[in-house]
């Protein structure tokens, strides 16, 4: 999908990740997207969803609460001709994450993007950490979780693990691969 654009409406109800940060994120993810299932839990414009599909994800689930943003994600999916690879869920991530990220039907790796509005890292930290723990518990081997926070947020408040943290300007990205022991997640 190189060179084709995501519909960005310019509205205040989303804060799209800057292009250079998104590119750096996918440079870190390298080949993890190929064949994976993408879960974009606070999808906004859906840019991470569409970038994942562009980089070879087999399918994607974009979760967004704002109905206008959902409409734009669906319009973008249609314009990029990927409606058969994407499920757009118009819902509160906190209410549906447990169901979406439950024990998987197969061993297809996941890429999970947890890029909520920054204020939620302060107001709903325990709920976000519960989502992270669910991913750590259920994600198949080869999966990767990425969180996006403000640089000033203390990522040591996230569940423990071997986090790879990268800071770009005022944004910090944290990457973790759920631990595997004897073929099972811990």
N, C-alpha and C. Protein backbone atom coordinates (compact mmCIF):
# COMPACT_ATOMS: atom_id res chain seq x y z
N UNK A 1 0.82 -1.20 0.00
CA UNK A 1 0.00 0.00 0.00
C UNK A 1 0.86 1.26 0.00
N UNK A 2 2.13 1.08 -0.28
CA UNK A 2 3.08 2.20 -0.25
C UNK A 2 2.55 3.41 -1.01
N UNK A 3 2.63 4.56 -0.36
CA UNK A 3 2.25 5.81 -1.00
C UNK A 3 0.76 6.12 -0.94
N UNK A 4 -0.05 5.16 -0.54
CA UNK A 4 -1.48 5.41 -0.42
C UNK A 4 -1.75 5.91 0.99
N UNK A 5 -2.72 6.79 1.13
CA UNK A 5 -2.87 7.48 2.41
C UNK A 5 -4.06 6.98 3.22
N UNK A 6 -3.90 7.15 4.52
CA UNK A 6 -4.97 6.92 5.48
C UNK A 6 -5.77 8.20 5.55
N UNK A 7 -7.07 8.07 5.59
CA UNK A 7 -7.92 9.26 5.68
C UNK A 7 -7.78 9.85 7.07
N UNK A 8 -7.20 11.04 7.16
CA UNK A 8 -7.11 11.74 8.43
C UNK A 8 -7.97 12.98 8.34
N UNK A 9 -8.89 13.07 9.21
CA UNK A 9 -9.93 14.09 9.21
C UNK A 9 -9.51 15.38 9.88
N UNK A 10 -8.42 15.39 10.64
CA UNK A 10 -7.96 16.59 11.32
C UNK A 10 -8.75 16.95 12.56
N UNK A 11 -9.63 16.07 12.98
CA UNK A 11 -10.47 16.33 14.15
C UNK A 11 -9.67 16.11 15.43
N UNK A 12 -10.13 16.74 16.51
CA UNK A 12 -9.45 16.64 17.80
C UNK A 12 -9.68 15.32 18.52
N UNK A 13 -10.61 14.49 18.03
CA UNK A 13 -10.92 13.27 18.76
C UNK A 13 -9.90 12.16 18.53
N UNK A 14 -8.87 12.40 17.73
CA UNK A 14 -7.78 11.44 17.59
C UNK A 14 -6.44 12.18 17.64
N UNK A 15 -5.42 11.43 18.04
CA UNK A 15 -4.06 11.94 18.05
C UNK A 15 -3.22 10.93 17.29
N UNK A 16 -3.13 11.11 15.97
CA UNK A 16 -2.38 10.11 15.21
C UNK A 16 -0.89 10.12 15.56
N UNK A 17 -0.31 8.94 15.55
CA UNK A 17 1.12 8.82 15.77
C UNK A 17 1.84 9.49 14.61
N UNK A 18 2.88 10.23 14.92
CA UNK A 18 3.64 10.91 13.87
C UNK A 18 4.25 9.88 12.93
N UNK A 19 4.32 10.27 11.66
CA UNK A 19 4.83 9.35 10.63
C UNK A 19 6.20 8.79 10.97
N UNK A 20 7.11 9.65 11.44
CA UNK A 20 8.47 9.17 11.72
C UNK A 20 8.50 8.19 12.89
N UNK A 21 7.62 8.38 13.87
CA UNK A 21 7.56 7.44 14.99
C UNK A 21 6.98 6.12 14.52
N UNK A 22 5.93 6.18 13.71
CA UNK A 22 5.33 4.96 13.17
C UNK A 22 6.35 4.18 12.34
N UNK A 23 7.11 4.89 11.52
CA UNK A 23 8.14 4.22 10.71
C UNK A 23 9.20 3.57 11.60
N UNK A 24 9.63 4.28 12.64
CA UNK A 24 10.59 3.70 13.57
C UNK A 24 10.02 2.46 14.26
N UNK A 25 8.75 2.52 14.63
CA UNK A 25 8.10 1.38 15.27
C UNK A 25 8.16 0.16 14.36
N UNK A 26 7.84 0.35 13.09
CA UNK A 26 7.83 -0.79 12.17
C UNK A 26 9.24 -1.22 11.79
N UNK A 27 10.21 -0.35 11.88
CA UNK A 27 11.60 -0.77 11.69
C UNK A 27 12.03 -1.70 12.83
N UNK A 28 11.52 -1.43 14.03
CA UNK A 28 11.83 -2.28 15.18
C UNK A 28 11.09 -3.62 15.05
N UNK A 29 9.83 -3.55 14.64
CA UNK A 29 9.04 -4.77 14.49
C UNK A 29 9.54 -5.66 13.36
N UNK A 30 10.26 -5.05 12.41
CA UNK A 30 10.83 -5.76 11.27
C UNK A 30 9.85 -6.75 10.66
N UNK A 31 10.14 -8.03 10.79
CA UNK A 31 9.34 -9.04 10.11
C UNK A 31 8.18 -9.56 10.95
N UNK A 32 8.01 -9.03 12.15
CA UNK A 32 6.96 -9.55 13.04
C UNK A 32 5.57 -9.41 12.45
N UNK A 33 5.37 -8.42 11.59
CA UNK A 33 4.03 -8.20 11.01
C UNK A 33 3.65 -9.28 10.00
N UNK A 34 4.62 -9.85 9.33
CA UNK A 34 4.31 -10.81 8.26
C UNK A 34 3.51 -12.00 8.80
N UNK A 35 2.29 -12.12 8.29
CA UNK A 35 1.43 -13.22 8.67
C UNK A 35 0.72 -13.07 10.00
N UNK A 36 1.05 -12.04 10.76
CA UNK A 36 0.48 -11.85 12.10
C UNK A 36 -0.95 -11.32 12.04
N UNK A 37 -1.61 -11.41 13.18
CA UNK A 37 -2.90 -10.76 13.38
C UNK A 37 -2.62 -9.48 14.15
N UNK A 38 -3.06 -8.35 13.62
CA UNK A 38 -2.85 -7.05 14.25
C UNK A 38 -4.07 -6.70 15.09
N UNK A 39 -3.83 -6.31 16.34
CA UNK A 39 -4.87 -5.75 17.19
C UNK A 39 -4.48 -4.31 17.49
N UNK A 40 -5.24 -3.36 16.97
CA UNK A 40 -5.01 -1.93 17.20
C UNK A 40 -6.11 -1.48 18.15
N UNK A 41 -5.78 -1.42 19.45
CA UNK A 41 -6.81 -1.31 20.48
C UNK A 41 -7.37 0.08 20.72
N UNK A 42 -6.69 1.11 20.36
CA UNK A 42 -7.22 2.48 20.39
C UNK A 42 -6.89 3.03 19.01
N UNK A 43 -7.62 2.57 18.01
CA UNK A 43 -7.21 2.72 16.62
C UNK A 43 -7.13 4.15 16.11
N UNK A 44 -7.98 5.05 16.58
CA UNK A 44 -7.93 6.42 16.08
C UNK A 44 -8.15 6.48 14.58
N UNK A 45 -7.11 6.80 13.83
CA UNK A 45 -7.21 6.84 12.36
C UNK A 45 -7.04 5.46 11.74
N UNK A 46 -6.55 4.51 12.53
CA UNK A 46 -6.28 3.16 12.01
C UNK A 46 -4.92 3.05 11.34
N UNK A 47 -4.09 4.07 11.49
CA UNK A 47 -2.79 4.08 10.80
C UNK A 47 -1.94 2.85 11.13
N UNK A 48 -1.92 2.43 12.41
CA UNK A 48 -1.12 1.26 12.77
C UNK A 48 -1.73 -0.01 12.16
N UNK A 49 -3.05 -0.05 12.10
CA UNK A 49 -3.73 -1.18 11.47
C UNK A 49 -3.33 -1.29 10.01
N UNK A 50 -3.46 -0.19 9.29
CA UNK A 50 -3.19 -0.22 7.85
C UNK A 50 -1.71 -0.42 7.55
N UNK A 51 -0.85 0.13 8.38
CA UNK A 51 0.59 -0.09 8.20
C UNK A 51 0.91 -1.57 8.41
N UNK A 52 0.27 -2.20 9.40
CA UNK A 52 0.49 -3.63 9.64
C UNK A 52 0.07 -4.46 8.43
N UNK A 53 -1.10 -4.15 7.88
CA UNK A 53 -1.56 -4.88 6.70
C UNK A 53 -0.62 -4.64 5.52
N UNK A 54 -0.15 -3.42 5.40
CA UNK A 54 0.78 -3.09 4.32
C UNK A 54 2.09 -3.86 4.46
N UNK A 55 2.47 -4.16 5.70
CA UNK A 55 3.72 -4.88 5.97
C UNK A 55 3.52 -6.38 6.07
N UNK A 56 2.35 -6.87 5.67
CA UNK A 56 2.15 -8.31 5.56
C UNK A 56 1.30 -8.98 6.61
N UNK A 57 0.68 -8.23 7.51
CA UNK A 57 -0.22 -8.87 8.48
C UNK A 57 -1.34 -9.58 7.72
N UNK A 58 -1.75 -10.73 8.22
CA UNK A 58 -2.78 -11.51 7.53
C UNK A 58 -4.17 -10.91 7.71
N UNK A 59 -4.38 -10.33 8.87
CA UNK A 59 -5.65 -9.67 9.14
C UNK A 59 -5.49 -8.74 10.33
N UNK A 60 -6.51 -7.90 10.56
CA UNK A 60 -6.40 -6.90 11.61
C UNK A 60 -7.75 -6.66 12.27
N UNK A 61 -7.67 -6.28 13.54
CA UNK A 61 -8.83 -5.87 14.30
C UNK A 61 -8.53 -4.47 14.82
N UNK A 62 -9.35 -3.51 14.43
CA UNK A 62 -9.19 -2.12 14.87
C UNK A 62 -10.33 -1.80 15.82
N UNK A 63 -9.99 -1.43 17.05
CA UNK A 63 -11.01 -1.10 18.05
C UNK A 63 -10.97 0.41 18.28
N UNK A 64 -12.12 1.04 18.12
CA UNK A 64 -12.21 2.50 18.31
C UNK A 64 -13.59 2.83 18.87
N UNK A 65 -13.61 3.67 19.88
CA UNK A 65 -14.85 4.06 20.53
C UNK A 65 -15.59 5.16 19.77
N UNK A 66 -14.85 6.11 19.22
CA UNK A 66 -15.47 7.27 18.56
C UNK A 66 -16.09 6.86 17.22
N UNK A 67 -17.38 7.06 17.09
CA UNK A 67 -18.09 6.60 15.89
C UNK A 67 -17.64 7.31 14.62
N UNK A 68 -17.29 8.59 14.74
CA UNK A 68 -16.80 9.29 13.53
C UNK A 68 -15.46 8.72 13.11
N UNK A 69 -14.60 8.44 14.07
CA UNK A 69 -13.30 7.83 13.73
C UNK A 69 -13.52 6.46 13.09
N UNK A 70 -14.46 5.69 13.61
CA UNK A 70 -14.78 4.38 13.03
C UNK A 70 -15.19 4.54 11.58
N UNK A 71 -16.01 5.53 11.30
CA UNK A 71 -16.45 5.76 9.93
C UNK A 71 -15.25 6.04 9.02
N UNK A 72 -14.30 6.85 9.49
CA UNK A 72 -13.10 7.14 8.69
C UNK A 72 -12.23 5.90 8.50
N UNK A 73 -12.12 5.07 9.53
CA UNK A 73 -11.34 3.83 9.38
C UNK A 73 -11.98 2.95 8.31
N UNK A 74 -13.28 2.83 8.34
CA UNK A 74 -13.97 2.00 7.34
C UNK A 74 -13.80 2.58 5.94
N UNK A 75 -13.87 3.92 5.82
CA UNK A 75 -13.66 4.56 4.52
C UNK A 75 -12.24 4.29 4.01
N UNK A 76 -11.27 4.37 4.90
CA UNK A 76 -9.89 4.09 4.50
C UNK A 76 -9.73 2.64 4.08
N UNK A 77 -10.31 1.72 4.84
CA UNK A 77 -10.24 0.30 4.49
C UNK A 77 -10.83 0.07 3.10
N UNK A 78 -11.92 0.74 2.82
CA UNK A 78 -12.55 0.61 1.50
C UNK A 78 -11.65 1.19 0.41
N UNK A 79 -11.08 2.37 0.67
CA UNK A 79 -10.24 3.02 -0.35
C UNK A 79 -8.95 2.24 -0.60
N UNK A 80 -8.46 1.53 0.42
CA UNK A 80 -7.24 0.73 0.28
C UNK A 80 -7.54 -0.71 -0.15
N UNK A 81 -8.82 -1.02 -0.30
CA UNK A 81 -9.27 -2.34 -0.74
C UNK A 81 -8.80 -3.44 0.20
N UNK A 82 -8.97 -3.23 1.52
CA UNK A 82 -8.59 -4.23 2.51
C UNK A 82 -9.75 -4.60 3.43
N UNK A 83 -10.97 -4.33 3.01
CA UNK A 83 -12.12 -4.61 3.86
C UNK A 83 -12.25 -6.09 4.20
N UNK A 84 -11.69 -6.96 3.38
CA UNK A 84 -11.74 -8.39 3.65
C UNK A 84 -10.71 -8.83 4.68
N UNK A 85 -9.77 -7.94 5.05
CA UNK A 85 -8.72 -8.29 6.00
C UNK A 85 -8.87 -7.58 7.35
N UNK A 86 -9.88 -6.74 7.47
CA UNK A 86 -10.00 -5.93 8.67
C UNK A 86 -11.39 -6.04 9.27
N UNK A 87 -11.40 -6.13 10.60
CA UNK A 87 -12.64 -6.05 11.36
C UNK A 87 -12.54 -4.76 12.17
N UNK A 88 -13.51 -3.88 12.00
CA UNK A 88 -13.53 -2.63 12.76
C UNK A 88 -14.57 -2.79 13.86
N UNK A 89 -14.12 -2.68 15.09
CA UNK A 89 -14.99 -2.85 16.24
C UNK A 89 -15.25 -1.48 16.85
N UNK A 90 -16.50 -1.07 16.82
CA UNK A 90 -16.89 0.21 17.40
C UNK A 90 -17.29 -0.05 18.85
N UNK A 91 -16.32 0.08 19.76
CA UNK A 91 -16.57 -0.27 21.16
C UNK A 91 -15.50 0.35 22.06
N UNK A 92 -15.76 0.26 23.35
CA UNK A 92 -14.82 0.67 24.37
C UNK A 92 -13.77 -0.44 24.53
N UNK A 93 -12.54 -0.14 24.25
CA UNK A 93 -11.46 -1.13 24.35
C UNK A 93 -11.45 -1.83 25.69
N UNK A 94 -11.67 -1.09 26.76
CA UNK A 94 -11.63 -1.69 28.09
C UNK A 94 -12.70 -2.77 28.27
N UNK A 95 -13.80 -2.65 27.55
CA UNK A 95 -14.89 -3.62 27.67
C UNK A 95 -14.68 -4.85 26.79
N UNK A 96 -13.98 -4.70 25.66
CA UNK A 96 -13.88 -5.81 24.71
C UNK A 96 -12.49 -6.46 24.64
N UNK A 97 -11.50 -5.86 25.26
CA UNK A 97 -10.13 -6.39 25.13
C UNK A 97 -10.01 -7.82 25.66
N UNK A 98 -10.63 -8.10 26.78
CA UNK A 98 -10.54 -9.44 27.35
C UNK A 98 -11.06 -10.50 26.41
N UNK A 99 -12.15 -10.20 25.73
CA UNK A 99 -12.74 -11.14 24.78
C UNK A 99 -11.86 -11.26 23.53
N UNK A 100 -11.42 -10.12 22.99
CA UNK A 100 -10.61 -10.14 21.76
C UNK A 100 -9.26 -10.82 21.97
N UNK A 101 -8.69 -10.64 23.16
CA UNK A 101 -7.34 -11.13 23.43
C UNK A 101 -7.34 -12.38 24.30
N UNK A 102 -8.47 -13.09 24.29
CA UNK A 102 -8.56 -14.34 25.04
C UNK A 102 -7.71 -15.41 24.39
N UNK A 103 -7.75 -16.61 24.95
CA UNK A 103 -6.96 -17.70 24.36
C UNK A 103 -7.23 -17.82 22.86
N UNK A 104 -6.17 -17.86 22.06
CA UNK A 104 -6.34 -17.86 20.61
C UNK A 104 -6.82 -19.20 20.06
N UNK A 105 -7.45 -19.12 18.90
CA UNK A 105 -7.93 -20.32 18.23
C UNK A 105 -6.79 -21.09 17.56
N UNK A 106 -5.69 -20.39 17.24
CA UNK A 106 -4.55 -21.04 16.61
C UNK A 106 -3.27 -20.35 17.08
N UNK A 107 -2.14 -20.72 16.49
CA UNK A 107 -0.86 -20.18 16.95
C UNK A 107 -0.34 -19.04 16.08
N UNK A 108 -1.22 -18.36 15.34
CA UNK A 108 -0.81 -17.21 14.53
C UNK A 108 -0.35 -16.10 15.47
N UNK A 109 0.88 -15.59 15.31
CA UNK A 109 1.37 -14.53 16.20
C UNK A 109 0.50 -13.27 16.10
N UNK A 110 0.52 -12.52 17.17
CA UNK A 110 -0.18 -11.24 17.25
C UNK A 110 0.81 -10.09 17.25
N UNK A 111 0.38 -8.97 16.73
CA UNK A 111 1.01 -7.68 17.02
C UNK A 111 -0.09 -6.86 17.66
N UNK A 112 0.14 -6.42 18.89
CA UNK A 112 -0.87 -5.67 19.63
C UNK A 112 -0.35 -4.26 19.86
N UNK A 113 -1.13 -3.29 19.40
CA UNK A 113 -0.79 -1.88 19.59
C UNK A 113 -1.68 -1.31 20.68
N UNK A 114 -1.06 -0.80 21.73
CA UNK A 114 -1.78 -0.18 22.84
C UNK A 114 -1.32 1.28 22.89
N UNK A 115 -2.02 2.12 22.12
CA UNK A 115 -1.65 3.53 21.97
C UNK A 115 -2.85 4.41 22.32
N UNK A 116 -3.24 4.39 23.61
CA UNK A 116 -4.43 5.14 24.00
C UNK A 116 -4.12 6.63 24.12
N UNK A 117 -5.15 7.45 24.29
CA UNK A 117 -4.89 8.84 24.64
C UNK A 117 -3.98 8.86 25.88
N UNK A 118 -2.97 9.72 25.87
CA UNK A 118 -1.98 9.71 26.94
C UNK A 118 -2.58 9.84 28.33
N UNK A 119 -3.65 10.58 28.47
CA UNK A 119 -4.26 10.79 29.79
C UNK A 119 -4.70 9.48 30.42
N UNK A 120 -5.01 8.48 29.59
CA UNK A 120 -5.47 7.20 30.13
C UNK A 120 -4.37 6.46 30.87
N UNK A 121 -3.10 6.73 30.57
CA UNK A 121 -2.01 6.11 31.32
C UNK A 121 -2.01 6.57 32.77
N UNK A 122 -2.63 7.70 33.03
CA UNK A 122 -2.74 8.22 34.40
C UNK A 122 -4.09 7.87 35.01
N UNK A 123 -5.16 8.00 34.22
CA UNK A 123 -6.51 7.80 34.74
C UNK A 123 -6.93 6.34 34.78
N UNK A 124 -6.38 5.50 33.90
CA UNK A 124 -6.83 4.09 33.80
C UNK A 124 -5.64 3.13 33.75
N UNK A 125 -4.58 3.46 34.45
CA UNK A 125 -3.36 2.65 34.39
C UNK A 125 -3.63 1.18 34.72
N UNK A 126 -4.37 0.91 35.76
CA UNK A 126 -4.61 -0.50 36.13
C UNK A 126 -5.38 -1.24 35.04
N UNK A 127 -6.33 -0.55 34.40
CA UNK A 127 -7.08 -1.19 33.30
C UNK A 127 -6.17 -1.45 32.10
N UNK A 128 -5.28 -0.51 31.79
CA UNK A 128 -4.34 -0.72 30.69
C UNK A 128 -3.36 -1.85 31.04
N UNK A 129 -2.90 -1.87 32.28
CA UNK A 129 -2.01 -2.95 32.70
C UNK A 129 -2.71 -4.31 32.65
N UNK A 130 -4.01 -4.33 32.91
CA UNK A 130 -4.76 -5.59 32.81
C UNK A 130 -4.77 -6.07 31.36
N UNK A 131 -4.89 -5.15 30.41
CA UNK A 131 -4.83 -5.53 28.99
C UNK A 131 -3.45 -6.09 28.66
N UNK A 132 -2.40 -5.43 29.16
CA UNK A 132 -1.04 -5.92 28.91
C UNK A 132 -0.87 -7.33 29.48
N UNK A 133 -1.34 -7.54 30.70
CA UNK A 133 -1.21 -8.88 31.31
C UNK A 133 -2.00 -9.93 30.51
N UNK A 134 -3.15 -9.55 29.98
CA UNK A 134 -3.94 -10.47 29.16
C UNK A 134 -3.16 -10.87 27.91
N UNK A 135 -2.51 -9.89 27.28
CA UNK A 135 -1.67 -10.20 26.11
C UNK A 135 -0.52 -11.11 26.53
N UNK A 136 0.14 -10.79 27.64
CA UNK A 136 1.25 -11.61 28.10
C UNK A 136 0.81 -13.04 28.39
N UNK A 137 -0.41 -13.21 28.85
CA UNK A 137 -0.93 -14.53 29.19
C UNK A 137 -1.34 -15.34 27.96
N UNK A 138 -1.95 -14.68 26.97
CA UNK A 138 -2.60 -15.41 25.88
C UNK A 138 -1.92 -15.34 24.51
N UNK A 139 -1.04 -14.40 24.29
CA UNK A 139 -0.48 -14.23 22.95
C UNK A 139 0.33 -15.45 22.52
N UNK A 140 0.13 -15.89 21.28
CA UNK A 140 0.90 -17.03 20.77
C UNK A 140 2.39 -16.71 20.65
N UNK A 141 3.24 -17.73 20.54
CA UNK A 141 4.67 -17.51 20.36
C UNK A 141 4.93 -16.60 19.15
N UNK A 142 5.91 -15.73 19.29
CA UNK A 142 6.28 -14.82 18.21
C UNK A 142 5.50 -13.52 18.21
N UNK A 143 4.63 -13.34 19.20
CA UNK A 143 3.82 -12.13 19.28
C UNK A 143 4.62 -10.97 19.87
N UNK A 144 4.17 -9.74 19.57
CA UNK A 144 4.80 -8.53 20.10
C UNK A 144 3.71 -7.56 20.52
N UNK A 145 3.90 -6.96 21.69
CA UNK A 145 3.02 -5.90 22.18
C UNK A 145 3.81 -4.61 22.16
N UNK A 146 3.19 -3.55 21.64
CA UNK A 146 3.81 -2.23 21.65
C UNK A 146 2.89 -1.26 22.38
N UNK A 147 3.47 -0.52 23.33
CA UNK A 147 2.73 0.55 24.00
C UNK A 147 3.34 1.88 23.61
N UNK A 148 2.49 2.90 23.54
CA UNK A 148 2.95 4.26 23.27
C UNK A 148 2.53 5.14 24.43
N UNK A 149 3.51 5.85 25.01
CA UNK A 149 3.24 6.76 26.12
C UNK A 149 3.96 8.08 25.88
N UNK A 150 3.61 9.05 26.70
CA UNK A 150 4.41 10.27 26.70
C UNK A 150 5.77 9.94 27.28
N UNK A 151 6.77 10.68 26.87
CA UNK A 151 8.14 10.48 27.36
C UNK A 151 8.18 10.61 28.89
N UNK A 152 7.36 11.48 29.46
CA UNK A 152 7.39 11.73 30.89
C UNK A 152 6.72 10.64 31.72
N UNK A 153 5.96 9.74 31.06
CA UNK A 153 5.31 8.65 31.79
C UNK A 153 6.36 7.62 32.20
N UNK A 154 6.29 7.16 33.43
CA UNK A 154 7.23 6.17 33.95
C UNK A 154 6.80 4.77 33.52
N UNK A 155 7.42 4.24 32.47
CA UNK A 155 7.05 2.92 31.97
C UNK A 155 7.41 1.80 32.94
N UNK A 156 8.12 2.10 34.02
CA UNK A 156 8.36 1.09 35.05
C UNK A 156 7.06 0.75 35.79
N UNK A 157 6.00 1.54 35.56
CA UNK A 157 4.69 1.25 36.14
C UNK A 157 3.94 0.17 35.36
N UNK A 158 4.48 -0.24 34.22
CA UNK A 158 3.88 -1.30 33.41
C UNK A 158 4.20 -2.65 34.04
N UNK A 159 3.44 -3.70 33.69
CA UNK A 159 3.76 -5.02 34.22
C UNK A 159 5.22 -5.39 33.90
N UNK A 160 5.85 -6.13 34.80
CA UNK A 160 7.26 -6.47 34.59
C UNK A 160 7.46 -7.32 33.35
N UNK A 161 8.67 -7.19 32.82
CA UNK A 161 9.04 -7.97 31.64
C UNK A 161 10.26 -7.36 31.00
N UNK A 162 10.72 -7.98 29.96
CA UNK A 162 11.91 -7.54 29.24
C UNK A 162 11.50 -6.51 28.18
N UNK A 163 11.19 -5.31 28.62
CA UNK A 163 10.73 -4.23 27.74
C UNK A 163 11.90 -3.62 26.98
N UNK A 164 11.68 -3.36 25.72
CA UNK A 164 12.62 -2.61 24.88
C UNK A 164 11.98 -1.24 24.71
N UNK A 165 12.60 -0.20 25.27
CA UNK A 165 12.02 1.14 25.25
C UNK A 165 12.82 2.06 24.34
N UNK A 166 12.08 2.82 23.55
CA UNK A 166 12.70 3.78 22.62
C UNK A 166 11.97 5.10 22.74
N UNK A 167 12.73 6.21 22.84
CA UNK A 167 12.12 7.53 22.95
C UNK A 167 12.41 8.33 21.70
N UNK A 168 11.37 8.96 21.19
CA UNK A 168 11.43 9.82 20.00
C UNK A 168 10.74 11.12 20.37
N UNK A 169 11.51 12.18 20.55
CA UNK A 169 10.91 13.45 20.95
C UNK A 169 10.18 13.29 22.26
N UNK A 170 8.88 13.61 22.29
CA UNK A 170 8.08 13.52 23.50
C UNK A 170 7.35 12.20 23.65
N UNK A 171 7.69 11.20 22.83
CA UNK A 171 6.98 9.92 22.82
C UNK A 171 7.94 8.78 23.15
N UNK A 172 7.47 7.84 23.98
CA UNK A 172 8.24 6.63 24.25
C UNK A 172 7.42 5.43 23.80
N UNK A 173 8.07 4.54 23.07
CA UNK A 173 7.48 3.28 22.66
C UNK A 173 8.11 2.18 23.49
N UNK A 174 7.29 1.27 23.97
CA UNK A 174 7.78 0.10 24.70
C UNK A 174 7.34 -1.15 23.97
N UNK A 175 8.28 -2.07 23.75
CA UNK A 175 8.00 -3.32 23.04
C UNK A 175 8.29 -4.48 23.97
N UNK A 176 7.44 -5.49 23.92
CA UNK A 176 7.69 -6.70 24.71
C UNK A 176 7.15 -7.90 23.96
N UNK A 177 7.88 -8.98 24.04
CA UNK A 177 7.43 -10.27 23.51
C UNK A 177 7.01 -11.09 24.71
N UNK A 178 5.75 -11.54 24.75
CA UNK A 178 5.33 -12.35 25.89
C UNK A 178 6.24 -13.56 26.08
N UNK A 179 6.58 -13.84 27.33
CA UNK A 179 7.51 -14.93 27.66
C UNK A 179 6.90 -16.27 27.30
N UNK A 180 7.75 -17.16 26.82
CA UNK A 180 7.32 -18.51 26.46
C UNK A 180 8.14 -19.49 27.28
N UNK A 181 7.47 -20.42 27.93
CA UNK A 181 8.15 -21.47 28.67
C UNK A 181 7.49 -22.80 28.30
N UNK A 182 8.27 -23.73 27.79
CA UNK A 182 7.75 -25.03 27.37
C UNK A 182 6.55 -24.89 26.46
N UNK A 183 6.60 -23.91 25.57
CA UNK A 183 5.52 -23.72 24.61
C UNK A 183 4.30 -23.04 25.18
N UNK A 184 4.38 -22.60 26.43
CA UNK A 184 3.23 -21.93 27.03
C UNK A 184 3.63 -20.55 27.49
N UNK A 185 2.69 -19.63 27.46
CA UNK A 185 2.95 -18.27 27.94
C UNK A 185 2.96 -18.25 29.46
N UNK A 186 3.74 -17.35 29.99
CA UNK A 186 3.72 -17.12 31.45
C UNK A 186 3.18 -15.75 31.72
